[in-house]
Amino acid sequence: MNKITLIGNLTHDPEVRSTPSGVTVCTFTIAVNRRFANQGGERQTDFFRINAWRQLGDTCARYLSKGRKVAVIGELQARTYEAKDGTTRMSLDVSADEVEFLTPKAADETGSGYSAPRPQANPQDLAGFTDISSDDLPF
């Protein structure tokens, strides 16, 4: 079974492109801190390149940005490529099956992580409804 679960922060804004057949792919890199510190007391960080395809890629491109925390579940894939100096190199990428956004949306806007209070409804919008107290409810 090839399944990897990662939680980390985006190192840069996602990049979106399409294949020649029109399939969307969103690529981003996340930084994942290791659980334990090294002998010098420093925690090391690993960087993973994530590829999200089709609708998941569209959603990631729309809502993710640098610094956002995400959880990614997917498959680890090895790929080879030729570097500029002509050498063949190998890269490990993650093909995302699931991406969960962990940073609250309001955290980017206000820094508090909480949503702003909802505006009160206009009395005109409530025409036809009767205001009742919680004492009137049967449960």
C-alpha atoms as a PDB file:
ATOM      1  CA  MET A   1       0.000   0.000   0.000  1.00  0.00           C
ATOM      2  CA  ASN A   2       1.361   3.425  -0.962  1.00  0.00           C
ATOM      3  CA  LYS A   3      -0.256   6.071   1.273  1.00  0.00           C
ATOM      4  CA  ILE A   4       1.301   9.123   2.903  1.00  0.00           C
ATOM      5  CA  THR A   5      -0.232  11.642   5.323  1.00  0.00           C
ATOM      6  CA  LEU A   6       1.425  15.033   5.787  1.00  0.00           C
ATOM      7  CA  ILE A   7       0.577  18.199   7.704  1.00  0.00           C
ATOM      8  CA  GLY A   8       2.499  21.341   6.868  1.00  0.00           C
ATOM      9  CA  ASN A   9       2.483  24.926   5.646  1.00  0.00           C
ATOM     10  CA  LEU A  10       2.663  26.092   2.039  1.00  0.00           C
ATOM     11  CA  THR A  11       6.045  27.566   1.180  1.00  0.00           C
ATOM     12  CA  HIS A  12       4.693  29.624  -1.741  1.00  0.00           C
ATOM     13  CA  ASP A  13       1.451  30.280  -3.590  1.00  0.00           C
ATOM     14  CA  PRO A  14       0.139  27.307  -5.619  1.00  0.00           C
ATOM     15  CA  GLU A  15       0.885  27.079  -9.340  1.00  0.00           C
ATOM     16  CA  VAL A  16      -1.924  26.031 -11.684  1.00  0.00           C
ATOM     17  CA  ARG A  17      -1.526  24.641 -15.171  1.00  0.00           C
ATOM     18  CA  SER A  18      -3.396  22.348 -17.527  1.00  0.00           C
ATOM     19  CA  THR A  19      -2.319  19.303 -19.466  1.00  0.00           C
ATOM     20  CA  PRO A  20      -2.722  19.366 -23.273  1.00  0.00           C
ATOM     21  CA  SER A  21      -5.980  17.432 -22.803  1.00  0.00           C
ATOM     22  CA  GLY A  22      -7.324  20.164 -20.484  1.00  0.00           C
ATOM     23  CA  VAL A  23      -6.888  18.448 -17.096  1.00  0.00           C
ATOM     24  CA  THR A  24      -6.082  20.929 -14.320  1.00  0.00           C
ATOM     25  CA  VAL A  25      -3.148  20.280 -12.007  1.00  0.00           C
ATOM     26  CA  CYS A  26      -2.270  22.473  -9.030  1.00  0.00           C
ATOM     27  CA  THR A  27       1.254  22.169  -7.658  1.00  0.00           C
ATOM     28  CA  PHE A  28       2.465  23.466  -4.304  1.00  0.00           C
ATOM     29  CA  THR A  29       5.165  22.685  -1.769  1.00  0.00           C
ATOM     30  CA  ILE A  30       4.604  22.200   1.942  1.00  0.00           C
ATOM     31  CA  ALA A  31       7.131  22.392   4.755  1.00  0.00           C
ATOM     32  CA  VAL A  32       6.704  19.635   7.352  1.00  0.00           C
ATOM     33  CA  ASN A  33       8.521  19.832  10.688  1.00  0.00           C
ATOM     34  CA  ARG A  34      10.018  16.629  12.020  1.00  0.00           C
ATOM     35  CA  ARG A  35       8.725  15.368  15.342  1.00  0.00           C
ATOM     36  CA  PHE A  36      12.050  15.370  17.154  1.00  0.00           C
ATOM     37  CA  ALA A  37      14.945  17.811  17.354  1.00  0.00           C
ATOM     38  CA  ASN A  38      18.461  16.850  16.252  1.00  0.00           C
ATOM     39  CA  GLN A  39      21.417  16.666  18.648  1.00  0.00           C
ATOM     40  CA  GLY A  40      21.888  20.438  18.385  1.00  0.00           C
ATOM     41  CA  GLY A  41      18.310  21.009  19.591  1.00  0.00           C
ATOM     42  CA  GLU A  42      17.066  22.198  16.178  1.00  0.00           C
ATOM     43  CA  ARG A  43      13.982  20.769  14.545  1.00  0.00           C
ATOM     44  CA  GLN A  44      14.531  19.883  10.928  1.00  0.00           C
ATOM     45  CA  THR A  45      12.045  20.533   8.161  1.00  0.00           C
ATOM     46  CA  ASP A  46      11.259  18.403   5.117  1.00  0.00           C
ATOM     47  CA  PHE A  47       9.751  19.843   1.934  1.00  0.00           C
ATOM     48  CA  PHE A  48       7.228  17.923  -0.166  1.00  0.00           C
ATOM     49  CA  ARG A  49       5.971  18.806  -3.631  1.00  0.00           C
ATOM     50  CA  ILE A  50       2.223  18.139  -3.891  1.00  0.00           C
ATOM     51  CA  ASN A  51       0.218  17.644  -7.108  1.00  0.00           C
ATOM     52  CA  ALA A  52      -3.566  17.982  -6.880  1.00  0.00           C
ATOM     53  CA  TRP A  53      -5.511  17.045 -10.012  1.00  0.00           C
ATOM     54  CA  ARG A  54      -8.851  18.039 -11.558  1.00  0.00           C
ATOM     55  CA  GLN A  55     -11.492  19.461  -9.181  1.00  0.00           C
ATOM     56  CA  LEU A  56      -9.229  19.066  -6.140  1.00  0.00           C
ATOM     57  CA  GLY A  57      -6.590  21.082  -7.994  1.00  0.00           C
ATOM     58  CA  ASP A  58      -9.110  23.807  -8.839  1.00  0.00           C
ATOM     59  CA  THR A  59     -10.177  24.028  -5.188  1.00  0.00           C
ATOM     60  CA  CYS A  60      -6.585  24.174  -3.930  1.00  0.00           C
ATOM     61  CA  ALA A  61      -5.707  26.894  -6.445  1.00  0.00           C
ATOM     62  CA  ARG A  62      -8.699  28.940  -5.377  1.00  0.00           C
ATOM     63  CA  TYR A  63      -8.334  28.789  -1.592  1.00  0.00           C
ATOM     64  CA  LEU A  64      -4.681  28.111  -0.760  1.00  0.00           C
ATOM     65  CA  SER A  65      -1.866  30.621  -0.459  1.00  0.00           C
ATOM     66  CA  LYS A  66       1.597  30.878   1.050  1.00  0.00           C
ATOM     67  CA  GLY A  67       1.677  30.117   4.791  1.00  0.00           C
ATOM     68  CA  ARG A  68      -1.650  28.262   4.944  1.00  0.00           C
ATOM     69  CA  LYS A  69      -1.632  24.987   6.916  1.00  0.00           C
ATOM     70  CA  VAL A  70      -2.943  21.891   5.127  1.00  0.00           C
ATOM     71  CA  ALA A  71      -3.254  18.159   5.661  1.00  0.00           C
ATOM     72  CA  VAL A  72      -2.527  16.071   2.568  1.00  0.00           C
ATOM     73  CA  ILE A  73      -3.275  12.384   2.023  1.00  0.00           C
ATOM     74  CA  GLY A  74      -1.981  10.810  -1.144  1.00  0.00           C
ATOM     75  CA  GLU A  75       0.474   8.537  -2.917  1.00  0.00           C
ATOM     76  CA  LEU A  76       4.231   8.983  -2.968  1.00  0.00           C
ATOM     77  CA  GLN A  77       5.534   8.921  -6.550  1.00  0.00           C
ATOM     78  CA  ALA A  78       9.108   8.804  -7.771  1.00  0.00           C
ATOM     79  CA  ARG A  79       9.876  10.663 -10.992  1.00  0.00           C
ATOM     80  CA  THR A  80      13.096  11.188 -12.882  1.00  0.00           C
ATOM     81  CA  TYR A  81      14.098  14.244 -14.856  1.00  0.00           C
ATOM     82  CA  GLU A  82      17.129  15.641 -16.609  1.00  0.00           C
ATOM     83  CA  ALA A  83      18.743  18.602 -14.854  1.00  0.00           C
ATOM     84  CA  LYS A  84      20.176  21.626 -16.677  1.00  0.00           C
ATOM     85  CA  ASP A  85      23.676  20.167 -16.333  1.00  0.00           C
ATOM     86  CA  GLY A  86      22.561  16.999 -18.174  1.00  0.00           C
ATOM     87  CA  THR A  87      22.488  14.672 -15.183  1.00  0.00           C
ATOM     88  CA  THR A  88      19.491  12.489 -14.422  1.00  0.00           C
ATOM     89  CA  ARG A  89      17.895  13.264 -11.088  1.00  0.00           C
ATOM     90  CA  MET A  90      15.092  11.769  -9.052  1.00  0.00           C
ATOM     91  CA  SER A  91      12.314  13.569  -7.209  1.00  0.00           C
ATOM     92  CA  LEU A  92       9.670  12.309  -4.816  1.00  0.00           C
ATOM     93  CA  ASP A  93       6.275  13.936  -5.323  1.00  0.00           C
ATOM     94  CA  VAL A  94       2.939  13.377  -3.614  1.00  0.00           C
ATOM     95  CA  SER A  95      -0.141  12.897  -5.762  1.00  0.00           C
ATOM     96  CA  ALA A  96      -2.902  14.206  -3.489  1.00  0.00           C
ATOM     97  CA  ASP A  97      -6.086  12.217  -2.968  1.00  0.00           C
ATOM     98  CA  GLU A  98      -7.356  14.537  -0.213  1.00  0.00           C
ATOM     99  CA  VAL A  99      -6.377  18.041   0.910  1.00  0.00           C
ATOM    100  CA  GLU A 100      -7.892  19.495   4.067  1.00  0.00           C
ATOM    101  CA  PHE A 101      -7.504  23.202   4.773  1.00  0.00           C
ATOM    102  CA  LEU A 102      -6.460  23.628   8.404  1.00  0.00           C
ATOM    103  CA  THR A 103      -5.962  27.395   8.631  1.00  0.00           C
ATOM    104  CA  PRO A 104      -9.288  29.078   9.420  1.00  0.00           C
ATOM    105  CA  LYS A 105     -10.358  31.423   6.626  1.00  0.00           C
ATOM    106  CA  ALA A 106     -10.706  34.381   8.992  1.00  0.00           C
ATOM    107  CA  ALA A 107      -7.148  33.909  10.304  1.00  0.00           C
ATOM    108  CA  ASP A 108      -5.738  35.426   7.134  1.00  0.00           C
ATOM    109  CA  GLU A 109      -8.082  38.409   7.263  1.00  0.00           C
ATOM    110  CA  THR A 110      -8.020  39.352  10.957  1.00  0.00           C
ATOM    111  CA  GLY A 111      -5.190  37.295  12.403  1.00  0.00           C
ATOM    112  CA  SER A 112      -7.438  36.005  15.197  1.00  0.00           C
ATOM    113  CA  GLY A 113      -8.723  32.835  13.572  1.00  0.00           C
ATOM    114  CA  TYR A 114     -12.323  33.729  14.364  1.00  0.00           C
ATOM    115  CA  SER A 115     -15.025  34.793  11.973  1.00  0.00           C
ATOM    116  CA  ALA A 116     -16.485  38.277  12.131  1.00  0.00           C
ATOM    117  CA  PRO A 117     -19.962  38.500  13.681  1.00  0.00           C
ATOM    118  CA  ARG A 118     -22.827  38.123  11.242  1.00  0.00           C
ATOM    119  CA  PRO A 119     -24.768  41.272  10.412  1.00  0.00           C
ATOM    120  CA  GLN A 120     -28.259  41.510  11.886  1.00  0.00           C
ATOM    121  CA  ALA A 121     -31.168  40.849   9.538  1.00  0.00           C
ATOM    122  CA  ASN A 122     -33.268  43.718   8.295  1.00  0.00           C
ATOM    123  CA  PRO A 123     -36.797  43.794   9.808  1.00  0.00           C
ATOM    124  CA  GLN A 124     -38.119  43.921   6.231  1.00  0.00           C
ATOM    125  CA  ASP A 125     -36.415  40.579   5.501  1.00  0.00           C
ATOM    126  CA  LEU A 126     -38.330  38.976   8.394  1.00  0.00           C
ATOM    127  CA  ALA A 127     -41.809  39.801   7.106  1.00  0.00           C
ATOM    128  CA  GLY A 128     -44.165  36.875   7.696  1.00  0.00           C
ATOM    129  CA  PHE A 129     -42.106  35.405  10.569  1.00  0.00           C
ATOM    130  CA  THR A 130     -43.065  35.572  14.231  1.00  0.00           C
ATOM    131  CA  ASP A 131     -40.407  36.171  16.889  1.00  0.00           C
ATOM    132  CA  ILE A 132     -40.632  33.552  19.654  1.00  0.00           C
ATOM    133  CA  SER A 133     -38.757  33.066  22.887  1.00  0.00           C
ATOM    134  CA  SER A 134     -36.869  29.910  23.813  1.00  0.00           C
ATOM    135  CA  ASP A 135     -39.537  29.223  26.483  1.00  0.00           C
ATOM    136  CA  ASP A 136     -42.047  28.556  23.688  1.00  0.00           C
ATOM    137  CA  LEU A 137     -39.991  25.728  22.194  1.00  0.00           C
ATOM    138  CA  PRO A 138     -41.063  22.146  23.018  1.00  0.00           C
ATOM    139  CA  PHE A 139     -37.489  20.847  23.360  1.00  0.00           C
END
